[in-house]
Protein backbone atom coordinates (compact mmCIF):
# COMPACT_ATOMS: atom_id res chain seq x y z
CA MET A 1 113.36 171.92 140.26
CA LEU A 2 109.78 171.88 141.49
CA SER A 3 108.15 168.86 143.07
CA PRO A 4 104.86 167.51 141.65
CA HIS A 5 103.04 169.08 144.63
CA GLU A 6 104.60 172.49 143.92
CA ILE A 7 103.64 172.24 140.26
CA ALA A 8 100.08 171.32 141.30
CA ALA A 9 99.98 174.36 143.60
CA LEU A 10 101.23 176.55 140.74
CA LEU A 11 98.48 175.18 138.47
CA LEU A 12 95.82 175.90 141.10
CA LEU A 13 97.14 179.41 141.64
CA GLY A 14 97.15 179.92 137.87
CA ASP A 15 93.47 179.05 137.81
CA GLU A 16 93.03 181.77 140.46
CA GLN A 17 91.51 179.36 142.93
CA GLU A 18 91.73 180.09 146.63
CA ILE A 19 94.09 177.66 148.25
CA ASP A 20 93.59 177.48 151.99
CA ASP A 21 95.52 174.27 152.54
CA LEU A 22 98.74 175.08 150.68
CA GLU A 23 101.69 173.54 152.52
CA PRO A 24 104.13 176.16 153.85
CA GLU A 25 107.06 174.31 152.26
CA GLN A 26 105.41 174.49 148.83
CA LEU A 27 104.67 178.17 149.24
CA ASP A 28 108.23 178.85 150.42
CA THR A 29 109.67 177.13 147.35
CA LEU A 30 107.39 179.10 145.02
CA LEU A 31 108.37 182.34 146.81
CA VAL A 32 112.11 181.56 146.71
CA ASN A 33 111.89 180.79 142.99
CA LYS A 34 109.96 184.07 142.53
CA LEU A 35 107.00 182.26 140.99
CA VAL A 36 104.57 183.84 143.45
CA THR A 37 104.39 186.93 145.61
CA MET A 38 102.27 187.57 148.67
CA GLU A 39 99.61 190.27 148.37
CA HIS A 40 97.24 191.61 150.99
CA GLY A 41 93.50 191.36 150.43
CA HIS A 42 91.54 194.58 150.46
CA ALA A 43 88.58 193.42 152.53
CA SER A 44 90.11 190.79 154.77
CA GLY A 45 93.63 192.15 155.08
CA ASN A 46 94.95 188.57 154.84
CA ALA A 47 97.94 187.84 152.63
CA TYR A 48 97.40 185.52 149.67
CA PRO A 49 99.75 184.20 146.95
CA ARG A 50 99.64 185.62 143.42
CA LEU A 51 101.61 184.46 140.40
CA THR A 52 104.44 186.69 139.23
CA SER A 53 105.29 187.14 135.55
CA HIS A 54 107.93 184.43 136.01
CA GLY A 55 105.25 182.21 137.57
CA HIS A 56 102.96 182.78 134.59
CA SER A 57 105.81 181.87 132.21
CA MET A 58 106.53 178.69 134.16
CA LEU A 59 102.85 177.82 134.18
CA GLU A 60 102.62 178.24 130.39
CA ALA A 61 105.62 175.93 129.96
CA VAL A 62 104.08 173.30 132.25
CA ARG A 63 100.77 173.46 130.38
CA ARG A 64 102.55 172.93 127.05
CA ILE A 65 104.17 169.77 128.42
CA ARG A 66 100.93 168.31 129.83
């Protein structure tokens, strides 16, 4: 089960906003649950989280509940 903070992070990622202050614990939980994956940026080379298909499905379910 996701915490409210993890759900909020998922919502922000779903809006494709850059999240610089995402807590490592939240990111770890999203990674473990396979809701996000880490991708490397082309220009900067830095890794950033992206929603997986499972993450998109979870996000759609959360948005239906809100």
